[in-house]
């Protein structure tokens, strides 16, 4: 067999497919996640020989990532360390929001948010951490797909669309701007989500529902789209579907107090209507 050359070609192996750098990054990233978990278990079991071998394995996998993703791994190590001070963990979440990507970093943040327990009432360290994770997810989701050739144009259009959303009479303009972005980047979930919100505010509820469903096909962890779907069903007088969407939103992000309150109110409403 031929040896792989730098850049992905195969020396001596005609016709071999070039290596996809994104797949190499994903494989290294997933290997790092696995070794992080097994390293934690080895330390807990005081298996220090295994822990040393796993540290070497992690170092080798890190070398396969570009510097930005190496930084993200370091921030994740802090964020996932439940023994670290809450302020440090929140700072790590903010760092991930600044430079993390939707493919690799956002799912890690979403998984952590889903484990954050119930309501995040009041202040305190846990509420600060939850807020930092949520803000980081929104920051990552809002950025244009990083490998898109027109990413900067898309980012500018998103800002323009959100500005239109702040003025009710400009909502149709917002829909137009987000539709243009979707035409340029059909897999950019946040453009579809923002259009769903604008359509909801215009009272175009069925179109908003369709957009929310598209968002969730692209990003199943999008608690904003799940909440939005529930709000549309509420206004459409479809309480069972509203409750189901809100419950799914809480499964993804259990800390949303207002959504939790809607579920309780809908349960009472449905119980009362069943009793009649």
C-alpha atoms as a PDB file:
ATOM      1  CA  UNK A   1       0.000   0.000   0.000  1.00  0.00           C
ATOM      2  CA  UNK A   2       1.096   3.581  -0.606  1.00  0.00           C
ATOM      3  CA  UNK A   3       1.855   6.124   2.081  1.00  0.00           C
ATOM      4  CA  UNK A   4      -0.333   9.136   2.601  1.00  0.00           C
ATOM      5  CA  UNK A   5       1.350  12.362   1.615  1.00  0.00           C
ATOM      6  CA  UNK A   6       0.768  15.710   3.280  1.00  0.00           C
ATOM      7  CA  UNK A   7      -2.471  17.219   1.994  1.00  0.00           C
ATOM      8  CA  UNK A   8      -4.257  13.925   1.595  1.00  0.00           C
ATOM      9  CA  UNK A   9      -2.981  12.378  -1.656  1.00  0.00           C
ATOM     10  CA  UNK A  10      -1.749   8.794  -1.641  1.00  0.00           C
ATOM     11  CA  UNK A  11       1.801   8.187  -2.744  1.00  0.00           C
ATOM     12  CA  UNK A  12       2.063   5.107  -4.856  1.00  0.00           C
ATOM     13  CA  UNK A  13      -1.674   4.364  -4.719  1.00  0.00           C
ATOM     14  CA  UNK A  14      -3.328   5.514  -7.930  1.00  0.00           C
ATOM     15  CA  UNK A  15      -6.986   6.388  -7.757  1.00  0.00           C
ATOM     16  CA  UNK A  16      -7.207   6.596  -3.949  1.00  0.00           C
ATOM     17  CA  UNK A  17      -9.674   9.197  -2.697  1.00  0.00           C
ATOM     18  CA  UNK A  18      -8.109  12.323  -1.143  1.00  0.00           C
ATOM     19  CA  UNK A  19      -8.506  12.679   2.598  1.00  0.00           C
ATOM     20  CA  UNK A  20     -11.319  15.029   3.619  1.00  0.00           C
ATOM     21  CA  UNK A  21      -9.831  17.426   6.249  1.00  0.00           C
ATOM     22  CA  UNK A  22     -13.257  17.925   7.873  1.00  0.00           C
ATOM     23  CA  UNK A  23     -13.608  14.161   8.413  1.00  0.00           C
ATOM     24  CA  UNK A  24     -10.091  13.964   9.873  1.00  0.00           C
ATOM     25  CA  UNK A  25     -10.976  16.815  12.276  1.00  0.00           C
ATOM     26  CA  UNK A  26     -14.255  15.169  13.281  1.00  0.00           C
ATOM     27  CA  UNK A  27     -12.566  11.795  13.905  1.00  0.00           C
ATOM     28  CA  UNK A  28      -9.867  13.443  16.069  1.00  0.00           C
ATOM     29  CA  UNK A  29     -12.530  15.477  17.924  1.00  0.00           C
ATOM     30  CA  UNK A  30     -14.635  12.391  18.671  1.00  0.00           C
ATOM     31  CA  UNK A  31     -11.540  10.474  19.789  1.00  0.00           C
ATOM     32  CA  UNK A  32     -10.754  13.317  22.201  1.00  0.00           C
ATOM     33  CA  UNK A  33     -14.262  13.152  23.659  1.00  0.00           C
ATOM     34  CA  UNK A  34     -13.931   9.417  24.210  1.00  0.00           C
ATOM     35  CA  UNK A  35     -10.470   9.663  25.796  1.00  0.00           C
ATOM     36  CA  UNK A  36     -11.674  12.523  28.045  1.00  0.00           C
ATOM     37  CA  UNK A  37     -14.382  10.254  29.447  1.00  0.00           C
ATOM     38  CA  UNK A  38     -12.163   7.170  29.816  1.00  0.00           C
ATOM     39  CA  UNK A  39      -9.373   9.280  31.356  1.00  0.00           C
ATOM     40  CA  UNK A  40     -11.819  10.548  33.981  1.00  0.00           C
ATOM     41  CA  UNK A  41     -12.816   6.945  34.764  1.00  0.00           C
ATOM     42  CA  UNK A  42      -9.159   5.796  34.938  1.00  0.00           C
ATOM     43  CA  UNK A  43      -8.316   8.582  37.410  1.00  0.00           C
ATOM     44  CA  UNK A  44     -11.403   7.773  39.510  1.00  0.00           C
ATOM     45  CA  UNK A  45     -10.283   4.127  39.626  1.00  0.00           C
ATOM     46  CA  UNK A  46      -6.690   5.218  40.424  1.00  0.00           C
ATOM     47  CA  UNK A  47      -5.441   3.338  37.330  1.00  0.00           C
ATOM     48  CA  UNK A  48      -2.539   5.723  36.782  1.00  0.00           C
ATOM     49  CA  UNK A  49      -0.756   3.627  34.126  1.00  0.00           C
ATOM     50  CA  UNK A  50      -3.924   3.675  31.997  1.00  0.00           C
ATOM     51  CA  UNK A  51      -4.364   7.398  32.704  1.00  0.00           C
ATOM     52  CA  UNK A  52      -0.806   8.121  31.483  1.00  0.00           C
ATOM     53  CA  UNK A  53      -1.420   6.155  28.264  1.00  0.00           C
ATOM     54  CA  UNK A  54      -4.710   8.008  27.699  1.00  0.00           C
ATOM     55  CA  UNK A  55      -2.993  11.379  28.183  1.00  0.00           C
ATOM     56  CA  UNK A  56      -0.514  10.429  25.440  1.00  0.00           C
ATOM     57  CA  UNK A  57      -3.409   9.361  23.219  1.00  0.00           C
ATOM     58  CA  UNK A  58      -5.145  12.717  23.828  1.00  0.00           C
ATOM     59  CA  UNK A  59      -1.970  14.637  22.981  1.00  0.00           C
ATOM     60  CA  UNK A  60      -1.663  12.750  19.667  1.00  0.00           C
ATOM     61  CA  UNK A  61      -5.322  13.432  18.781  1.00  0.00           C
ATOM     62  CA  UNK A  62      -4.946  17.133  19.691  1.00  0.00           C
ATOM     63  CA  UNK A  63      -2.061  17.422  17.217  1.00  0.00           C
ATOM     64  CA  UNK A  64      -4.494  16.520  14.428  1.00  0.00           C
ATOM     65  CA  UNK A  65      -6.657  19.576  15.169  1.00  0.00           C
ATOM     66  CA  UNK A  66      -6.002  23.157  14.013  1.00  0.00           C
ATOM     67  CA  UNK A  67      -5.056  25.643  16.795  1.00  0.00           C
ATOM     68  CA  UNK A  68      -8.602  27.044  17.071  1.00  0.00           C
ATOM     69  CA  UNK A  69     -10.057  23.609  17.823  1.00  0.00           C
ATOM     70  CA  UNK A  70      -7.190  22.836  20.211  1.00  0.00           C
ATOM     71  CA  UNK A  71      -8.230  25.993  22.098  1.00  0.00           C
ATOM     72  CA  UNK A  72     -11.857  24.772  22.051  1.00  0.00           C
ATOM     73  CA  UNK A  73     -10.796  21.429  23.536  1.00  0.00           C
ATOM     74  CA  UNK A  74      -8.922  23.238  26.336  1.00  0.00           C
ATOM     75  CA  UNK A  75     -12.033  25.344  27.069  1.00  0.00           C
ATOM     76  CA  UNK A  76     -14.212  22.213  27.028  1.00  0.00           C
ATOM     77  CA  UNK A  77     -11.898  20.559  29.558  1.00  0.00           C
ATOM     78  CA  UNK A  78     -12.584  23.473  31.940  1.00  0.00           C
ATOM     79  CA  UNK A  79     -16.315  23.648  31.173  1.00  0.00           C
ATOM     80  CA  UNK A  80     -16.864  19.919  31.758  1.00  0.00           C
ATOM     81  CA  UNK A  81     -14.860  19.883  34.999  1.00  0.00           C
ATOM     82  CA  UNK A  82     -17.581  19.979  37.658  1.00  0.00           C
ATOM     83  CA  UNK A  83     -14.942  20.647  40.307  1.00  0.00           C
ATOM     84  CA  UNK A  84     -13.801  23.887  38.619  1.00  0.00           C
ATOM     85  CA  UNK A  85     -15.118  27.241  39.956  1.00  0.00           C
ATOM     86  CA  UNK A  86     -18.411  28.210  38.276  1.00  0.00           C
ATOM     87  CA  UNK A  87     -16.987  31.548  37.085  1.00  0.00           C
ATOM     88  CA  UNK A  88     -14.130  29.714  35.324  1.00  0.00           C
ATOM     89  CA  UNK A  89     -16.573  27.311  33.696  1.00  0.00           C
ATOM     90  CA  UNK A  90     -18.765  30.232  32.553  1.00  0.00           C
ATOM     91  CA  UNK A  91     -15.652  31.950  31.137  1.00  0.00           C
ATOM     92  CA  UNK A  92     -14.784  28.773  29.218  1.00  0.00           C
ATOM     93  CA  UNK A  93     -18.334  28.662  27.793  1.00  0.00           C
ATOM     94  CA  UNK A  94     -17.959  32.281  26.628  1.00  0.00           C
ATOM     95  CA  UNK A  95     -14.646  31.417  24.949  1.00  0.00           C
ATOM     96  CA  UNK A  96     -16.349  28.578  23.083  1.00  0.00           C
ATOM     97  CA  UNK A  97     -19.102  30.961  21.982  1.00  0.00           C
ATOM     98  CA  UNK A  98     -16.516  33.303  20.464  1.00  0.00           C
ATOM     99  CA  UNK A  99     -14.612  30.739  18.385  1.00  0.00           C
ATOM    100  CA  UNK A 100     -16.585  27.469  18.456  1.00  0.00           C
ATOM    101  CA  UNK A 101     -18.295  26.009  15.402  1.00  0.00           C
ATOM    102  CA  UNK A 102     -21.769  24.605  14.823  1.00  0.00           C
ATOM    103  CA  UNK A 103     -20.567  21.136  13.780  1.00  0.00           C
ATOM    104  CA  UNK A 104     -18.267  20.154  16.648  1.00  0.00           C
ATOM    105  CA  UNK A 105     -18.608  22.618  19.553  1.00  0.00           C
ATOM    106  CA  UNK A 106     -22.352  23.406  19.583  1.00  0.00           C
ATOM    107  CA  UNK A 107     -23.415  19.746  20.131  1.00  0.00           C
ATOM    108  CA  UNK A 108     -21.077  19.570  23.170  1.00  0.00           C
ATOM    109  CA  UNK A 109     -22.676  22.720  24.631  1.00  0.00           C
ATOM    110  CA  UNK A 110     -26.176  21.396  23.876  1.00  0.00           C
ATOM    111  CA  UNK A 111     -25.427  18.079  25.590  1.00  0.00           C
ATOM    112  CA  UNK A 112     -24.168  19.926  28.676  1.00  0.00           C
ATOM    113  CA  UNK A 113     -27.223  22.216  28.738  1.00  0.00           C
ATOM    114  CA  UNK A 114     -29.530  19.175  28.626  1.00  0.00           C
ATOM    115  CA  UNK A 115     -27.764  17.862  31.752  1.00  0.00           C
ATOM    116  CA  UNK A 116     -28.080  21.159  33.642  1.00  0.00           C
ATOM    117  CA  UNK A 117     -31.137  20.050  35.610  1.00  0.00           C
ATOM    118  CA  UNK A 118     -34.417  21.870  36.074  1.00  0.00           C
ATOM    119  CA  UNK A 119     -35.395  25.491  36.495  1.00  0.00           C
ATOM    120  CA  UNK A 120     -32.619  28.057  36.764  1.00  0.00           C
ATOM    121  CA  UNK A 121     -34.439  30.419  39.128  1.00  0.00           C
ATOM    122  CA  UNK A 122     -32.742  33.467  40.588  1.00  0.00           C
ATOM    123  CA  UNK A 123     -29.037  34.170  40.382  1.00  0.00           C
ATOM    124  CA  UNK A 124     -26.176  32.099  41.676  1.00  0.00           C
ATOM    125  CA  UNK A 125     -23.363  30.184  40.074  1.00  0.00           C
ATOM    126  CA  UNK A 126     -25.544  27.585  38.300  1.00  0.00           C
ATOM    127  CA  UNK A 127     -27.755  30.267  36.715  1.00  0.00           C
ATOM    128  CA  UNK A 128     -24.634  32.146  35.556  1.00  0.00           C
ATOM    129  CA  UNK A 129     -23.242  28.976  33.974  1.00  0.00           C
ATOM    130  CA  UNK A 130     -26.528  28.133  32.224  1.00  0.00           C
ATOM    131  CA  UNK A 131     -26.752  31.688  30.886  1.00  0.00           C
ATOM    132  CA  UNK A 132     -23.159  31.506  29.568  1.00  0.00           C
ATOM    133  CA  UNK A 133     -23.852  28.187  27.793  1.00  0.00           C
ATOM    134  CA  UNK A 134     -27.092  29.511  26.237  1.00  0.00           C
ATOM    135  CA  UNK A 135     -25.410  32.742  25.086  1.00  0.00           C
ATOM    136  CA  UNK A 136     -22.545  30.760  23.555  1.00  0.00           C
ATOM    137  CA  UNK A 137     -24.940  28.528  21.643  1.00  0.00           C
ATOM    138  CA  UNK A 138     -26.790  31.549  20.249  1.00  0.00           C
ATOM    139  CA  UNK A 139     -23.461  33.161  19.260  1.00  0.00           C
ATOM    140  CA  UNK A 140     -22.351  30.006  17.412  1.00  0.00           C
ATOM    141  CA  UNK A 141     -25.733  29.441  15.755  1.00  0.00           C
ATOM    142  CA  UNK A 142     -25.885  33.052  14.577  1.00  0.00           C
ATOM    143  CA  UNK A 143     -22.564  32.916  12.715  1.00  0.00           C
ATOM    144  CA  UNK A 144     -22.671  32.098   9.027  1.00  0.00           C
ATOM    145  CA  UNK A 145     -21.389  28.629   8.068  1.00  0.00           C
ATOM    146  CA  UNK A 146     -17.640  29.169   8.323  1.00  0.00           C
ATOM    147  CA  UNK A 147     -16.699  27.427   5.067  1.00  0.00           C
ATOM    148  CA  UNK A 148     -19.238  29.425   3.020  1.00  0.00           C
ATOM    149  CA  UNK A 149     -17.477  31.637   0.474  1.00  0.00           C
ATOM    150  CA  UNK A 150     -19.838  34.547   1.267  1.00  0.00           C
ATOM    151  CA  UNK A 151     -19.811  34.131   5.079  1.00  0.00           C
ATOM    152  CA  UNK A 152     -19.116  37.829   5.763  1.00  0.00           C
ATOM    153  CA  UNK A 153     -21.953  38.904   3.420  1.00  0.00           C
ATOM    154  CA  UNK A 154     -24.322  36.495   5.202  1.00  0.00           C
ATOM    155  CA  UNK A 155     -23.276  37.799   8.643  1.00  0.00           C
ATOM    156  CA  UNK A 156     -23.982  41.388   7.520  1.00  0.00           C
ATOM    157  CA  UNK A 157     -27.380  40.369   6.103  1.00  0.00           C
ATOM    158  CA  UNK A 158     -28.325  38.653   9.385  1.00  0.00           C
ATOM    159  CA  UNK A 159     -27.569  41.865  11.306  1.00  0.00           C
ATOM    160  CA  UNK A 160     -29.679  43.828   8.801  1.00  0.00           C
ATOM    161  CA  UNK A 161     -32.581  41.365   9.063  1.00  0.00           C
ATOM    162  CA  UNK A 162     -32.544  41.477  12.865  1.00  0.00           C
ATOM    163  CA  UNK A 163     -32.556  45.279  12.742  1.00  0.00           C
ATOM    164  CA  UNK A 164     -35.707  45.163  10.573  1.00  0.00           C
ATOM    165  CA  UNK A 165     -37.318  42.814  13.132  1.00  0.00           C
ATOM    166  CA  UNK A 166     -37.145  45.518  15.799  1.00  0.00           C
ATOM    167  CA  UNK A 167     -39.689  47.670  13.908  1.00  0.00           C
ATOM    168  CA  UNK A 168     -43.112  46.051  13.293  1.00  0.00           C
ATOM    169  CA  UNK A 169     -43.685  47.762   9.923  1.00  0.00           C
ATOM    170  CA  UNK A 170     -40.320  46.426   8.707  1.00  0.00           C
ATOM    171  CA  UNK A 171     -41.094  42.766   9.484  1.00  0.00           C
ATOM    172  CA  UNK A 172     -41.835  41.965   5.786  1.00  0.00           C
ATOM    173  CA  UNK A 173     -38.369  43.368   4.949  1.00  0.00           C
ATOM    174  CA  UNK A 174     -36.854  41.073   7.591  1.00  0.00           C
ATOM    175  CA  UNK A 175     -38.574  38.066   5.963  1.00  0.00           C
ATOM    176  CA  UNK A 176     -37.170  39.167   2.589  1.00  0.00           C
ATOM    177  CA  UNK A 177     -33.603  39.514   3.927  1.00  0.00           C
ATOM    178  CA  UNK A 178     -33.678  36.131   5.687  1.00  0.00           C
ATOM    179  CA  UNK A 179     -35.170  34.495   2.554  1.00  0.00           C
ATOM    180  CA  UNK A 180     -32.226  35.845   0.524  1.00  0.00           C
ATOM    181  CA  UNK A 181     -29.784  34.395   3.072  1.00  0.00           C
ATOM    182  CA  UNK A 182     -31.564  31.002   2.968  1.00  0.00           C
ATOM    183  CA  UNK A 183     -31.271  31.003  -0.837  1.00  0.00           C
ATOM    184  CA  UNK A 184     -27.489  31.528  -0.474  1.00  0.00           C
ATOM    185  CA  UNK A 185     -27.027  29.082   2.420  1.00  0.00           C
ATOM    186  CA  UNK A 186     -29.933  26.594   2.630  1.00  0.00           C
ATOM    187  CA  UNK A 187     -28.317  24.647   5.499  1.00  0.00           C
ATOM    188  CA  UNK A 188     -27.883  27.766   7.703  1.00  0.00           C
ATOM    189  CA  UNK A 189     -30.459  26.938  10.391  1.00  0.00           C
ATOM    190  CA  UNK A 190     -30.399  30.317  12.138  1.00  0.00           C
ATOM    191  CA  UNK A 191     -31.484  32.226   9.017  1.00  0.00           C
ATOM    192  CA  UNK A 192     -34.532  29.932   8.838  1.00  0.00           C
ATOM    193  CA  UNK A 193     -35.144  30.366  12.583  1.00  0.00           C
ATOM    194  CA  UNK A 194     -35.049  34.168  12.329  1.00  0.00           C
ATOM    195  CA  UNK A 195     -37.481  34.059   9.402  1.00  0.00           C
ATOM    196  CA  UNK A 196     -39.752  31.788  11.477  1.00  0.00           C
ATOM    197  CA  UNK A 197     -39.748  34.414  14.246  1.00  0.00           C
ATOM    198  CA  UNK A 198     -40.527  37.257  11.826  1.00  0.00           C
ATOM    199  CA  UNK A 199     -43.380  35.222  10.289  1.00  0.00           C
ATOM    200  CA  UNK A 200     -44.748  34.474  13.785  1.00  0.00           C
ATOM    201  CA  UNK A 201     -44.730  38.194  14.587  1.00  0.00           C
ATOM    202  CA  UNK A 202     -46.580  38.850  11.302  1.00  0.00           C
ATOM    203  CA  UNK A 203     -49.203  36.246  12.280  1.00  0.00           C
ATOM    204  CA  UNK A 204     -48.213  33.918   9.404  1.00  0.00           C
ATOM    205  CA  UNK A 205     -48.323  30.959  11.750  1.00  0.00           C
ATOM    206  CA  UNK A 206     -48.430  28.000   9.329  1.00  0.00           C
ATOM    207  CA  UNK A 207     -45.399  29.346   7.452  1.00  0.00           C
ATOM    208  CA  UNK A 208     -43.652  29.870  10.782  1.00  0.00           C
ATOM    209  CA  UNK A 209     -44.412  26.252  11.784  1.00  0.00           C
ATOM    210  CA  UNK A 210     -42.909  25.021   8.493  1.00  0.00           C
ATOM    211  CA  UNK A 211     -39.746  27.068   9.109  1.00  0.00           C
ATOM    212  CA  UNK A 212     -39.440  25.825  12.715  1.00  0.00           C
ATOM    213  CA  UNK A 213     -39.601  22.242  11.429  1.00  0.00           C
ATOM    214  CA  UNK A 214     -36.881  22.985   8.865  1.00  0.00           C
ATOM    215  CA  UNK A 215     -34.671  24.430  11.623  1.00  0.00           C
ATOM    216  CA  UNK A 216     -35.137  21.275  13.709  1.00  0.00           C
ATOM    217  CA  UNK A 217     -34.220  19.051  10.759  1.00  0.00           C
ATOM    218  CA  UNK A 218     -30.977  21.041  10.452  1.00  0.00           C
ATOM    219  CA  UNK A 219     -30.353  21.448  14.204  1.00  0.00           C
ATOM    220  CA  UNK A 220     -32.360  19.108  16.481  1.00  0.00           C
ATOM    221  CA  UNK A 221     -30.911  20.845  19.592  1.00  0.00           C
ATOM    222  CA  UNK A 222     -32.425  24.244  18.715  1.00  0.00           C
ATOM    223  CA  UNK A 223     -34.493  24.976  21.838  1.00  0.00           C
ATOM    224  CA  UNK A 224     -35.491  28.367  20.366  1.00  0.00           C
ATOM    225  CA  UNK A 225     -37.163  26.712  17.370  1.00  0.00           C
ATOM    226  CA  UNK A 226     -38.881  24.146  19.627  1.00  0.00           C
ATOM    227  CA  UNK A 227     -40.222  26.944  21.849  1.00  0.00           C
ATOM    228  CA  UNK A 228     -41.292  28.888  18.752  1.00  0.00           C
ATOM    229  CA  UNK A 229     -43.101  25.837  17.399  1.00  0.00           C
ATOM    230  CA  UNK A 230     -44.995  25.558  20.694  1.00  0.00           C
ATOM    231  CA  UNK A 231     -45.949  29.256  20.575  1.00  0.00           C
ATOM    232  CA  UNK A 232     -47.278  28.854  17.015  1.00  0.00           C
ATOM    233  CA  UNK A 233     -49.409  25.861  18.036  1.00  0.00           C
ATOM    234  CA  UNK A 234     -50.731  27.820  21.036  1.00  0.00           C
ATOM    235  CA  UNK A 235     -51.902  30.653  18.789  1.00  0.00           C
ATOM    236  CA  UNK A 236     -53.337  28.156  16.285  1.00  0.00           C
ATOM    237  CA  UNK A 237     -55.454  26.623  19.090  1.00  0.00           C
ATOM    238  CA  UNK A 238     -53.623  23.267  18.989  1.00  0.00           C
ATOM    239  CA  UNK A 239     -52.828  22.727  22.704  1.00  0.00           C
ATOM    240  CA  UNK A 240     -51.750  19.060  22.478  1.00  0.00           C
ATOM    241  CA  UNK A 241     -49.127  19.889  19.830  1.00  0.00           C
ATOM    242  CA  UNK A 242     -48.071  23.002  21.774  1.00  0.00           C
ATOM    243  CA  UNK A 243     -47.518  20.947  24.924  1.00  0.00           C
ATOM    244  CA  UNK A 244     -45.551  18.315  23.009  1.00  0.00           C
ATOM    245  CA  UNK A 245     -43.259  20.966  21.426  1.00  0.00           C
ATOM    246  CA  UNK A 246     -42.697  22.674  24.789  1.00  0.00           C
ATOM    247  CA  UNK A 247     -41.870  19.336  26.457  1.00  0.00           C
ATOM    248  CA  UNK A 248     -39.310  18.592  23.752  1.00  0.00           C
ATOM    249  CA  UNK A 249     -37.850  22.104  24.231  1.00  0.00           C
ATOM    250  CA  UNK A 250     -37.447  21.361  27.952  1.00  0.00           C
ATOM    251  CA  UNK A 251     -35.764  18.037  27.192  1.00  0.00           C
ATOM    252  CA  UNK A 252     -33.166  19.958  25.159  1.00  0.00           C
ATOM    253  CA  UNK A 253     -32.945  22.883  27.608  1.00  0.00           C
ATOM    254  CA  UNK A 254     -34.543  22.066  30.983  1.00  0.00           C
ATOM    255  CA  UNK A 255     -33.761  25.526  32.404  1.00  0.00           C
ATOM    256  CA  UNK A 256     -36.394  27.523  30.446  1.00  0.00           C
ATOM    257  CA  UNK A 257     -38.708  28.686  33.223  1.00  0.00           C
ATOM    258  CA  UNK A 258     -41.347  30.350  31.017  1.00  0.00           C
ATOM    259  CA  UNK A 259     -41.698  27.210  28.865  1.00  0.00           C
ATOM    260  CA  UNK A 260     -41.979  25.098  32.007  1.00  0.00           C
ATOM    261  CA  UNK A 261     -44.847  27.364  33.156  1.00  0.00           C
ATOM    262  CA  UNK A 262     -46.602  26.947  29.773  1.00  0.00           C
ATOM    263  CA  UNK A 263     -46.448  23.142  30.141  1.00  0.00           C
ATOM    264  CA  UNK A 264     -48.056  23.315  33.607  1.00  0.00           C
ATOM    265  CA  UNK A 265     -50.797  25.672  32.332  1.00  0.00           C
ATOM    266  CA  UNK A 266     -51.472  23.462  29.284  1.00  0.00           C
ATOM    267  CA  UNK A 267     -51.679  20.331  31.447  1.00  0.00           C
ATOM    268  CA  UNK A 268     -54.350  22.036  33.574  1.00  0.00           C
ATOM    269  CA  UNK A 269     -56.195  23.290  30.483  1.00  0.00           C
ATOM    270  CA  UNK A 270     -56.200  19.840  28.843  1.00  0.00           C
ATOM    271  CA  UNK A 271     -57.270  18.140  32.091  1.00  0.00           C
ATOM    272  CA  UNK A 272     -60.174  20.600  32.452  1.00  0.00           C
ATOM    273  CA  UNK A 273     -61.315  20.087  28.837  1.00  0.00           C
ATOM    274  CA  UNK A 274     -61.108  16.267  29.236  1.00  0.00           C
ATOM    275  CA  UNK A 275     -63.273  16.507  32.371  1.00  0.00           C
ATOM    276  CA  UNK A 276     -66.052  18.342  30.531  1.00  0.00           C
END
